[in-house]
């Protein structure tokens, strides 16, 4: 995985029974997977990709008349095998299971495909992504796609007492992060002046997370030492020579700044500007 890419693999599960009726049940929202990364949009252009890898349905229909398994013989060709399967399907009661998709949470649902299932006398598992959603290894979804299912009555009824369809799916999604150019306006440069004594360190600038630039000059008569905390000491840190001979230009440090003078009181003067 590239350094500028986020990739995740996840699963979902849903049980459908008679209590769900025949309305469309949303089982997957691609947008939900990307929601936790919404804050990245302030810094990056987000290239979103969503891949539905598998959906398996474990189906048990005890309220329906039991249908036998088709007799598939080695000498049969593909057409003959399909005909044998369809014959069983047509001659015994079956329930319809339909896939729907829509854009966003308020658009109309569109039908994708429909599967028909008989009662095989026991719980039976069926792969659904192939062939009902795609003939490829993955079903590509848009970042705003929602996937739903519904039960269809083809004249034999809907789910009854004891009937269930257990859905389990796997999917993965990726985010390609393309950094945006950070164009930030800088506010006015505000002047400051702080006396720095030699007895103990003095904090001359507080932390400023929006600091854009800082200029500092030692306008006093003795050297000054600068650091980012109160442990600054003579001989350690940034050295500012006296009488305007020492200058600090800083564009990355946003924390507080401390200083101590060497032997006598001195003074730091400068300008600080912040992003607005």
C-alpha atoms as a PDB file:
ATOM      1  CA  UNK A   1       0.000   0.000   0.000  1.00  0.00           C
ATOM      2  CA  UNK A   2       1.369   3.390  -0.964  1.00  0.00           C
ATOM      3  CA  UNK A   3       2.172   5.980   1.694  1.00  0.00           C
ATOM      4  CA  UNK A   4      -0.522   8.286   0.317  1.00  0.00           C
ATOM      5  CA  UNK A   5      -3.228   5.611   0.383  1.00  0.00           C
ATOM      6  CA  UNK A   6      -5.515   4.252   3.094  1.00  0.00           C
ATOM      7  CA  UNK A   7      -7.000   0.772   2.586  1.00  0.00           C
ATOM      8  CA  UNK A   8      -9.398  -1.179   4.785  1.00  0.00           C
ATOM      9  CA  UNK A   9     -11.247  -4.503   4.566  1.00  0.00           C
ATOM     10  CA  UNK A  10     -14.495  -4.973   6.485  1.00  0.00           C
ATOM     11  CA  UNK A  11     -17.582  -7.174   6.733  1.00  0.00           C
ATOM     12  CA  UNK A  12     -21.317  -6.739   7.229  1.00  0.00           C
ATOM     13  CA  UNK A  13     -24.145  -9.058   8.313  1.00  0.00           C
ATOM     14  CA  UNK A  14     -27.942  -8.924   8.124  1.00  0.00           C
ATOM     15  CA  UNK A  15     -30.669 -11.465   8.887  1.00  0.00           C
ATOM     16  CA  UNK A  16     -33.930 -11.184   6.956  1.00  0.00           C
ATOM     17  CA  UNK A  17     -37.100 -12.811   8.288  1.00  0.00           C
ATOM     18  CA  UNK A  18     -40.865 -12.534   7.817  1.00  0.00           C
ATOM     19  CA  UNK A  19     -40.831  -9.515  10.144  1.00  0.00           C
ATOM     20  CA  UNK A  20     -38.968  -7.479   7.493  1.00  0.00           C
ATOM     21  CA  UNK A  21     -41.858  -7.703   5.042  1.00  0.00           C
ATOM     22  CA  UNK A  22     -41.354  -6.873   1.375  1.00  0.00           C
ATOM     23  CA  UNK A  23     -39.888  -3.370   1.636  1.00  0.00           C
ATOM     24  CA  UNK A  24     -36.361  -2.549   0.530  1.00  0.00           C
ATOM     25  CA  UNK A  25     -33.789  -3.157   3.274  1.00  0.00           C
ATOM     26  CA  UNK A  26     -30.523  -1.250   3.015  1.00  0.00           C
ATOM     27  CA  UNK A  27     -27.641  -3.605   3.733  1.00  0.00           C
ATOM     28  CA  UNK A  28     -24.613  -1.552   2.720  1.00  0.00           C
ATOM     29  CA  UNK A  29     -23.678   2.120   2.415  1.00  0.00           C
ATOM     30  CA  UNK A  30     -20.352   2.925   0.793  1.00  0.00           C
ATOM     31  CA  UNK A  31     -20.486   6.460   2.206  1.00  0.00           C
ATOM     32  CA  UNK A  32     -20.470   5.141   5.791  1.00  0.00           C
ATOM     33  CA  UNK A  33     -17.028   3.627   5.251  1.00  0.00           C
ATOM     34  CA  UNK A  34     -15.549   6.949   4.175  1.00  0.00           C
ATOM     35  CA  UNK A  35     -17.313   9.085   6.818  1.00  0.00           C
ATOM     36  CA  UNK A  36     -14.584   8.676   9.452  1.00  0.00           C
ATOM     37  CA  UNK A  37     -12.057  10.214   7.061  1.00  0.00           C
ATOM     38  CA  UNK A  38     -14.135  13.321   6.265  1.00  0.00           C
ATOM     39  CA  UNK A  39     -11.758  15.600   8.171  1.00  0.00           C
ATOM     40  CA  UNK A  40      -8.958  14.736   5.732  1.00  0.00           C
ATOM     41  CA  UNK A  41     -10.830  16.604   3.009  1.00  0.00           C
ATOM     42  CA  UNK A  42      -9.540  19.902   4.393  1.00  0.00           C
ATOM     43  CA  UNK A  43      -5.972  18.916   3.480  1.00  0.00           C
ATOM     44  CA  UNK A  44      -6.393  16.352   0.707  1.00  0.00           C
ATOM     45  CA  UNK A  45      -8.331  15.643  -2.415  1.00  0.00           C
ATOM     46  CA  UNK A  46      -9.793  12.211  -1.621  1.00  0.00           C
ATOM     47  CA  UNK A  47      -9.848   9.598  -4.385  1.00  0.00           C
ATOM     48  CA  UNK A  48     -12.382   7.028  -3.163  1.00  0.00           C
ATOM     49  CA  UNK A  49     -12.728   3.436  -4.425  1.00  0.00           C
ATOM     50  CA  UNK A  50     -15.140   0.818  -3.055  1.00  0.00           C
ATOM     51  CA  UNK A  51     -15.080  -2.892  -3.891  1.00  0.00           C
ATOM     52  CA  UNK A  52     -17.740  -5.424  -2.910  1.00  0.00           C
ATOM     53  CA  UNK A  53     -15.855  -8.714  -2.778  1.00  0.00           C
ATOM     54  CA  UNK A  54     -18.473 -11.231  -1.655  1.00  0.00           C
ATOM     55  CA  UNK A  55     -21.996 -11.699  -0.346  1.00  0.00           C
ATOM     56  CA  UNK A  56     -23.123 -15.112   0.831  1.00  0.00           C
ATOM     57  CA  UNK A  57     -26.728 -15.951   1.694  1.00  0.00           C
ATOM     58  CA  UNK A  58     -27.439 -18.819   4.094  1.00  0.00           C
ATOM     59  CA  UNK A  59     -31.087 -19.580   3.273  1.00  0.00           C
ATOM     60  CA  UNK A  60     -33.585 -21.795   5.089  1.00  0.00           C
ATOM     61  CA  UNK A  61     -37.247 -21.903   3.954  1.00  0.00           C
ATOM     62  CA  UNK A  62     -39.046 -24.551   6.037  1.00  0.00           C
ATOM     63  CA  UNK A  63     -42.463 -22.972   5.387  1.00  0.00           C
ATOM     64  CA  UNK A  64     -42.172 -23.899   1.692  1.00  0.00           C
ATOM     65  CA  UNK A  65     -42.674 -27.293   0.088  1.00  0.00           C
ATOM     66  CA  UNK A  66     -39.336 -29.062  -0.144  1.00  0.00           C
ATOM     67  CA  UNK A  67     -37.785 -29.088  -3.608  1.00  0.00           C
ATOM     68  CA  UNK A  68     -35.374 -31.850  -4.669  1.00  0.00           C
ATOM     69  CA  UNK A  69     -31.905 -31.232  -6.004  1.00  0.00           C
ATOM     70  CA  UNK A  70     -31.568 -31.439  -9.778  1.00  0.00           C
ATOM     71  CA  UNK A  71     -30.068 -34.599 -11.204  1.00  0.00           C
ATOM     72  CA  UNK A  72     -26.960 -33.405 -13.027  1.00  0.00           C
ATOM     73  CA  UNK A  73     -25.173 -36.099 -15.024  1.00  0.00           C
ATOM     74  CA  UNK A  74     -21.572 -35.978 -16.280  1.00  0.00           C
ATOM     75  CA  UNK A  75     -22.671 -36.351 -19.902  1.00  0.00           C
ATOM     76  CA  UNK A  76     -24.891 -33.249 -19.757  1.00  0.00           C
ATOM     77  CA  UNK A  77     -23.721 -30.088 -21.495  1.00  0.00           C
ATOM     78  CA  UNK A  78     -24.105 -26.643 -19.895  1.00  0.00           C
ATOM     79  CA  UNK A  79     -27.496 -25.997 -21.463  1.00  0.00           C
ATOM     80  CA  UNK A  80     -28.871 -29.295 -20.227  1.00  0.00           C
ATOM     81  CA  UNK A  81     -27.635 -28.677 -16.712  1.00  0.00           C
ATOM     82  CA  UNK A  82     -29.223 -25.218 -16.668  1.00  0.00           C
ATOM     83  CA  UNK A  83     -32.508 -26.681 -17.958  1.00  0.00           C
ATOM     84  CA  UNK A  84     -32.510 -29.268 -15.159  1.00  0.00           C
ATOM     85  CA  UNK A  85     -31.961 -26.577 -12.541  1.00  0.00           C
ATOM     86  CA  UNK A  86     -34.697 -24.357 -13.965  1.00  0.00           C
ATOM     87  CA  UNK A  87     -37.130 -27.267 -14.072  1.00  0.00           C
ATOM     88  CA  UNK A  88     -36.785 -27.808 -10.322  1.00  0.00           C
ATOM     89  CA  UNK A  89     -37.066 -24.089  -9.701  1.00  0.00           C
ATOM     90  CA  UNK A  90     -40.249 -23.727 -11.747  1.00  0.00           C
ATOM     91  CA  UNK A  91     -42.025 -26.839 -10.471  1.00  0.00           C
ATOM     92  CA  UNK A  92     -41.689 -26.110  -6.772  1.00  0.00           C
ATOM     93  CA  UNK A  93     -42.562 -23.029  -4.701  1.00  0.00           C
ATOM     94  CA  UNK A  94     -39.871 -20.375  -4.597  1.00  0.00           C
ATOM     95  CA  UNK A  95     -39.315 -16.948  -3.114  1.00  0.00           C
ATOM     96  CA  UNK A  96     -37.737 -14.005  -4.932  1.00  0.00           C
ATOM     97  CA  UNK A  97     -34.733 -12.132  -3.555  1.00  0.00           C
ATOM     98  CA  UNK A  98     -33.988  -8.847  -5.310  1.00  0.00           C
ATOM     99  CA  UNK A  99     -30.996  -6.461  -5.239  1.00  0.00           C
ATOM    100  CA  UNK A 100     -31.488  -2.693  -5.457  1.00  0.00           C
ATOM    101  CA  UNK A 101     -29.075   0.248  -5.597  1.00  0.00           C
ATOM    102  CA  UNK A 102     -29.407   4.004  -5.265  1.00  0.00           C
ATOM    103  CA  UNK A 103     -27.266   7.124  -5.155  1.00  0.00           C
ATOM    104  CA  UNK A 104     -27.198   8.806  -1.768  1.00  0.00           C
ATOM    105  CA  UNK A 105     -29.871   8.408   0.897  1.00  0.00           C
ATOM    106  CA  UNK A 106     -32.791  10.063  -0.841  1.00  0.00           C
ATOM    107  CA  UNK A 107     -32.613   8.979  -4.483  1.00  0.00           C
ATOM    108  CA  UNK A 108     -34.876   6.314  -6.018  1.00  0.00           C
ATOM    109  CA  UNK A 109     -33.971   2.650  -5.740  1.00  0.00           C
ATOM    110  CA  UNK A 110     -33.129   0.896  -8.993  1.00  0.00           C
ATOM    111  CA  UNK A 111     -33.443  -2.856  -9.491  1.00  0.00           C
ATOM    112  CA  UNK A 112     -30.180  -4.659 -10.228  1.00  0.00           C
ATOM    113  CA  UNK A 113     -31.083  -8.361 -10.315  1.00  0.00           C
ATOM    114  CA  UNK A 114     -33.337 -11.004  -8.808  1.00  0.00           C
ATOM    115  CA  UNK A 115     -32.583 -14.502  -7.516  1.00  0.00           C
ATOM    116  CA  UNK A 116     -35.166 -17.225  -6.830  1.00  0.00           C
ATOM    117  CA  UNK A 117     -34.774 -19.801  -4.087  1.00  0.00           C
ATOM    118  CA  UNK A 118     -36.536 -23.083  -3.244  1.00  0.00           C
ATOM    119  CA  UNK A 119     -36.613 -24.930   0.044  1.00  0.00           C
ATOM    120  CA  UNK A 120     -33.803 -27.492  -0.085  1.00  0.00           C
ATOM    121  CA  UNK A 121     -34.782 -29.079   3.241  1.00  0.00           C
ATOM    122  CA  UNK A 122     -31.888 -27.530   5.131  1.00  0.00           C
ATOM    123  CA  UNK A 123     -29.920 -24.323   5.349  1.00  0.00           C
ATOM    124  CA  UNK A 124     -28.143 -23.823   2.044  1.00  0.00           C
ATOM    125  CA  UNK A 125     -25.491 -21.214   1.211  1.00  0.00           C
ATOM    126  CA  UNK A 126     -25.407 -19.345  -2.069  1.00  0.00           C
ATOM    127  CA  UNK A 127     -22.845 -16.856  -3.450  1.00  0.00           C
ATOM    128  CA  UNK A 128     -24.635 -13.700  -4.587  1.00  0.00           C
ATOM    129  CA  UNK A 129     -22.033 -11.244  -5.894  1.00  0.00           C
ATOM    130  CA  UNK A 130     -21.338 -13.690  -8.714  1.00  0.00           C
ATOM    131  CA  UNK A 131     -23.531 -14.089 -10.743  1.00  0.00           C
ATOM    132  CA  UNK A 132     -26.267 -11.749  -9.509  1.00  0.00           C
ATOM    133  CA  UNK A 133     -24.259  -8.515  -9.189  1.00  0.00           C
ATOM    134  CA  UNK A 134     -21.291  -9.084 -11.476  1.00  0.00           C
ATOM    135  CA  UNK A 135     -19.459 -11.697 -13.509  1.00  0.00           C
ATOM    136  CA  UNK A 136     -16.121 -10.336 -12.294  1.00  0.00           C
ATOM    137  CA  UNK A 137     -14.250 -11.056  -9.083  1.00  0.00           C
ATOM    138  CA  UNK A 138     -15.253  -7.690  -7.576  1.00  0.00           C
ATOM    139  CA  UNK A 139     -18.315  -5.461  -7.798  1.00  0.00           C
ATOM    140  CA  UNK A 140     -17.213  -1.847  -8.021  1.00  0.00           C
ATOM    141  CA  UNK A 141     -19.438   0.643  -6.190  1.00  0.00           C
ATOM    142  CA  UNK A 142     -19.334   4.435  -6.218  1.00  0.00           C
ATOM    143  CA  UNK A 143     -18.534   6.244  -2.950  1.00  0.00           C
ATOM    144  CA  UNK A 144     -22.178   7.357  -2.662  1.00  0.00           C
ATOM    145  CA  UNK A 145     -23.803   4.012  -3.592  1.00  0.00           C
ATOM    146  CA  UNK A 146     -26.205   2.203  -1.282  1.00  0.00           C
ATOM    147  CA  UNK A 147     -27.141  -1.438  -1.744  1.00  0.00           C
ATOM    148  CA  UNK A 148     -30.501  -2.848  -0.683  1.00  0.00           C
ATOM    149  CA  UNK A 149     -32.477  -6.095  -0.898  1.00  0.00           C
ATOM    150  CA  UNK A 150     -36.146  -7.036  -0.840  1.00  0.00           C
ATOM    151  CA  UNK A 151     -38.331 -10.129  -0.863  1.00  0.00           C
ATOM    152  CA  UNK A 152     -40.494 -10.640  -3.975  1.00  0.00           C
ATOM    153  CA  UNK A 153     -43.700 -12.655  -4.110  1.00  0.00           C
ATOM    154  CA  UNK A 154     -43.848 -14.609  -7.376  1.00  0.00           C
ATOM    155  CA  UNK A 155     -47.157 -16.221  -6.456  1.00  0.00           C
ATOM    156  CA  UNK A 156     -45.853 -18.617  -3.842  1.00  0.00           C
ATOM    157  CA  UNK A 157     -45.805 -16.170  -0.943  1.00  0.00           C
ATOM    158  CA  UNK A 158     -43.043 -14.451   0.987  1.00  0.00           C
ATOM    159  CA  UNK A 159     -41.008 -15.473   4.020  1.00  0.00           C
ATOM    160  CA  UNK A 160     -43.040 -17.393   6.582  1.00  0.00           C
ATOM    161  CA  UNK A 161     -42.600 -18.613  10.129  1.00  0.00           C
ATOM    162  CA  UNK A 162     -39.147 -20.108  10.609  1.00  0.00           C
ATOM    163  CA  UNK A 163     -37.828 -18.838   7.263  1.00  0.00           C
ATOM    164  CA  UNK A 164     -34.657 -16.748   7.225  1.00  0.00           C
ATOM    165  CA  UNK A 165     -31.941 -15.416   4.956  1.00  0.00           C
ATOM    166  CA  UNK A 166     -28.609 -14.725   6.658  1.00  0.00           C
ATOM    167  CA  UNK A 167     -26.465 -12.357   4.624  1.00  0.00           C
ATOM    168  CA  UNK A 168     -22.734 -11.949   5.172  1.00  0.00           C
ATOM    169  CA  UNK A 169     -20.580  -9.743   2.986  1.00  0.00           C
ATOM    170  CA  UNK A 170     -16.954  -8.676   2.591  1.00  0.00           C
ATOM    171  CA  UNK A 171     -15.782  -5.427   1.081  1.00  0.00           C
ATOM    172  CA  UNK A 172     -12.719  -3.237   0.879  1.00  0.00           C
ATOM    173  CA  UNK A 173     -12.232   0.445   0.211  1.00  0.00           C
ATOM    174  CA  UNK A 174      -9.277   2.678  -0.523  1.00  0.00           C
ATOM    175  CA  UNK A 175      -8.559   6.372  -0.187  1.00  0.00           C
ATOM    176  CA  UNK A 176      -5.926   7.986  -2.379  1.00  0.00           C
ATOM    177  CA  UNK A 177      -4.723  11.170  -0.698  1.00  0.00           C
ATOM    178  CA  UNK A 178      -3.684  14.031  -2.975  1.00  0.00           C
ATOM    179  CA  UNK A 179      -2.413  16.896  -0.880  1.00  0.00           C
ATOM    180  CA  UNK A 180      -3.991  20.268  -1.551  1.00  0.00           C
ATOM    181  CA  UNK A 181      -1.802  23.355  -1.816  1.00  0.00           C
ATOM    182  CA  UNK A 182      -2.108  25.128   1.507  1.00  0.00           C
ATOM    183  CA  UNK A 183      -2.734  28.798   0.754  1.00  0.00           C
ATOM    184  CA  UNK A 184      -3.198  30.651   4.017  1.00  0.00           C
ATOM    185  CA  UNK A 185      -3.462  34.378   4.578  1.00  0.00           C
ATOM    186  CA  UNK A 186      -1.097  35.949   7.097  1.00  0.00           C
ATOM    187  CA  UNK A 187      -2.347  38.639   9.428  1.00  0.00           C
ATOM    188  CA  UNK A 188      -0.627  41.836  10.516  1.00  0.00           C
ATOM    189  CA  UNK A 189       2.818  41.712  12.140  1.00  0.00           C
ATOM    190  CA  UNK A 190       2.301  42.665  15.790  1.00  0.00           C
ATOM    191  CA  UNK A 191       5.249  44.268  17.621  1.00  0.00           C
ATOM    192  CA  UNK A 192       6.410  43.187  21.056  1.00  0.00           C
ATOM    193  CA  UNK A 193       9.201  43.968  23.499  1.00  0.00           C
ATOM    194  CA  UNK A 194      10.097  41.972  26.616  1.00  0.00           C
ATOM    195  CA  UNK A 195      12.816  42.595  29.204  1.00  0.00           C
ATOM    196  CA  UNK A 196      14.944  39.498  29.838  1.00  0.00           C
ATOM    197  CA  UNK A 197      16.723  39.206  33.178  1.00  0.00           C
ATOM    198  CA  UNK A 198      19.663  37.054  34.182  1.00  0.00           C
ATOM    199  CA  UNK A 199      18.306  35.611  37.428  1.00  0.00           C
ATOM    200  CA  UNK A 200      15.769  33.217  35.903  1.00  0.00           C
ATOM    201  CA  UNK A 201      14.356  32.400  32.457  1.00  0.00           C
ATOM    202  CA  UNK A 202      11.602  34.642  31.112  1.00  0.00           C
ATOM    203  CA  UNK A 203       8.855  33.503  28.761  1.00  0.00           C
ATOM    204  CA  UNK A 204       8.740  36.102  26.018  1.00  0.00           C
ATOM    205  CA  UNK A 205       6.255  34.397  23.641  1.00  0.00           C
ATOM    206  CA  UNK A 206       3.314  32.123  24.495  1.00  0.00           C
ATOM    207  CA  UNK A 207       2.420  29.136  22.323  1.00  0.00           C
ATOM    208  CA  UNK A 208       0.687  30.123  19.078  1.00  0.00           C
ATOM    209  CA  UNK A 209      -0.468  27.226  16.846  1.00  0.00           C
ATOM    210  CA  UNK A 210      -1.291  29.722  14.071  1.00  0.00           C
ATOM    211  CA  UNK A 211       2.097  31.416  14.144  1.00  0.00           C
ATOM    212  CA  UNK A 212       3.229  32.255  10.624  1.00  0.00           C
ATOM    213  CA  UNK A 213       6.497  34.040  11.342  1.00  0.00           C
ATOM    214  CA  UNK A 214       8.424  35.451  14.272  1.00  0.00           C
ATOM    215  CA  UNK A 215      11.249  38.000  14.302  1.00  0.00           C
ATOM    216  CA  UNK A 216      13.276  38.562  17.480  1.00  0.00           C
ATOM    217  CA  UNK A 217      16.239  40.912  18.046  1.00  0.00           C
ATOM    218  CA  UNK A 218      18.398  41.397  21.104  1.00  0.00           C
ATOM    219  CA  UNK A 219      18.330  45.177  21.528  1.00  0.00           C
ATOM    220  CA  UNK A 220      20.018  45.110  24.933  1.00  0.00           C
ATOM    221  CA  UNK A 221      23.656  45.276  25.960  1.00  0.00           C
ATOM    222  CA  UNK A 222      24.318  41.640  26.992  1.00  0.00           C
ATOM    223  CA  UNK A 223      23.897  38.297  25.190  1.00  0.00           C
ATOM    224  CA  UNK A 224      20.602  36.345  25.364  1.00  0.00           C
ATOM    225  CA  UNK A 225      19.981  32.602  25.104  1.00  0.00           C
ATOM    226  CA  UNK A 226      16.656  31.237  23.803  1.00  0.00           C
ATOM    227  CA  UNK A 227      14.923  27.839  24.055  1.00  0.00           C
ATOM    228  CA  UNK A 228      11.440  26.337  23.836  1.00  0.00           C
ATOM    229  CA  UNK A 229      10.961  25.806  27.575  1.00  0.00           C
ATOM    230  CA  UNK A 230      11.947  27.169  30.977  1.00  0.00           C
ATOM    231  CA  UNK A 231      15.082  25.019  31.171  1.00  0.00           C
ATOM    232  CA  UNK A 232      16.977  27.453  28.956  1.00  0.00           C
ATOM    233  CA  UNK A 233      20.370  28.303  30.421  1.00  0.00           C
ATOM    234  CA  UNK A 234      23.498  30.258  29.596  1.00  0.00           C
ATOM    235  CA  UNK A 235      25.427  28.370  26.960  1.00  0.00           C
ATOM    236  CA  UNK A 236      22.445  26.328  25.760  1.00  0.00           C
ATOM    237  CA  UNK A 237      19.901  27.216  23.109  1.00  0.00           C
ATOM    238  CA  UNK A 238      19.847  29.909  20.436  1.00  0.00           C
ATOM    239  CA  UNK A 239      22.410  32.674  21.012  1.00  0.00           C
ATOM    240  CA  UNK A 240      21.434  36.299  20.340  1.00  0.00           C
ATOM    241  CA  UNK A 241      24.340  38.741  20.369  1.00  0.00           C
ATOM    242  CA  UNK A 242      23.701  42.139  22.042  1.00  0.00           C
ATOM    243  CA  UNK A 243      23.032  45.575  20.521  1.00  0.00           C
ATOM    244  CA  UNK A 244      21.037  44.279  17.540  1.00  0.00           C
ATOM    245  CA  UNK A 245      23.734  41.812  16.581  1.00  0.00           C
ATOM    246  CA  UNK A 246      21.538  38.761  17.255  1.00  0.00           C
ATOM    247  CA  UNK A 247      18.360  38.039  15.303  1.00  0.00           C
ATOM    248  CA  UNK A 248      15.904  35.138  15.172  1.00  0.00           C
ATOM    249  CA  UNK A 249      13.665  34.472  12.176  1.00  0.00           C
ATOM    250  CA  UNK A 250      11.317  31.561  12.833  1.00  0.00           C
ATOM    251  CA  UNK A 251       8.554  30.088  10.637  1.00  0.00           C
ATOM    252  CA  UNK A 252       8.056  26.604  12.085  1.00  0.00           C
ATOM    253  CA  UNK A 253       8.166  26.780  15.882  1.00  0.00           C
ATOM    254  CA  UNK A 254       4.672  27.361  17.234  1.00  0.00           C
ATOM    255  CA  UNK A 255       5.289  26.645  20.923  1.00  0.00           C
ATOM    256  CA  UNK A 256       6.207  29.038  23.698  1.00  0.00           C
ATOM    257  CA  UNK A 257       9.678  30.622  23.813  1.00  0.00           C
ATOM    258  CA  UNK A 258      11.863  31.375  26.843  1.00  0.00           C
ATOM    259  CA  UNK A 259      15.046  33.413  27.238  1.00  0.00           C
ATOM    260  CA  UNK A 260      17.694  34.263  29.798  1.00  0.00           C
ATOM    261  CA  UNK A 261      20.212  37.104  29.729  1.00  0.00           C
ATOM    262  CA  UNK A 262      23.902  36.688  30.424  1.00  0.00           C
ATOM    263  CA  UNK A 263      25.108  38.738  33.451  1.00  0.00           C
ATOM    264  CA  UNK A 264      22.574  41.575  33.327  1.00  0.00           C
ATOM    265  CA  UNK A 265      19.102  42.481  32.057  1.00  0.00           C
ATOM    266  CA  UNK A 266      18.627  42.731  28.299  1.00  0.00           C
ATOM    267  CA  UNK A 267      15.639  43.111  25.984  1.00  0.00           C
ATOM    268  CA  UNK A 268      14.105  41.206  23.089  1.00  0.00           C
ATOM    269  CA  UNK A 269      12.067  43.164  20.561  1.00  0.00           C
ATOM    270  CA  UNK A 270      10.407  41.863  17.455  1.00  0.00           C
ATOM    271  CA  UNK A 271       7.308  41.192  15.398  1.00  0.00           C
ATOM    272  CA  UNK A 272       4.974  38.141  15.310  1.00  0.00           C
ATOM    273  CA  UNK A 273       2.370  37.408  12.628  1.00  0.00           C
ATOM    274  CA  UNK A 274      -0.267  34.656  12.594  1.00  0.00           C
ATOM    275  CA  UNK A 275      -2.271  32.841   9.944  1.00  0.00           C
ATOM    276  CA  UNK A 276      -5.849  34.075   9.771  1.00  0.00           C
END
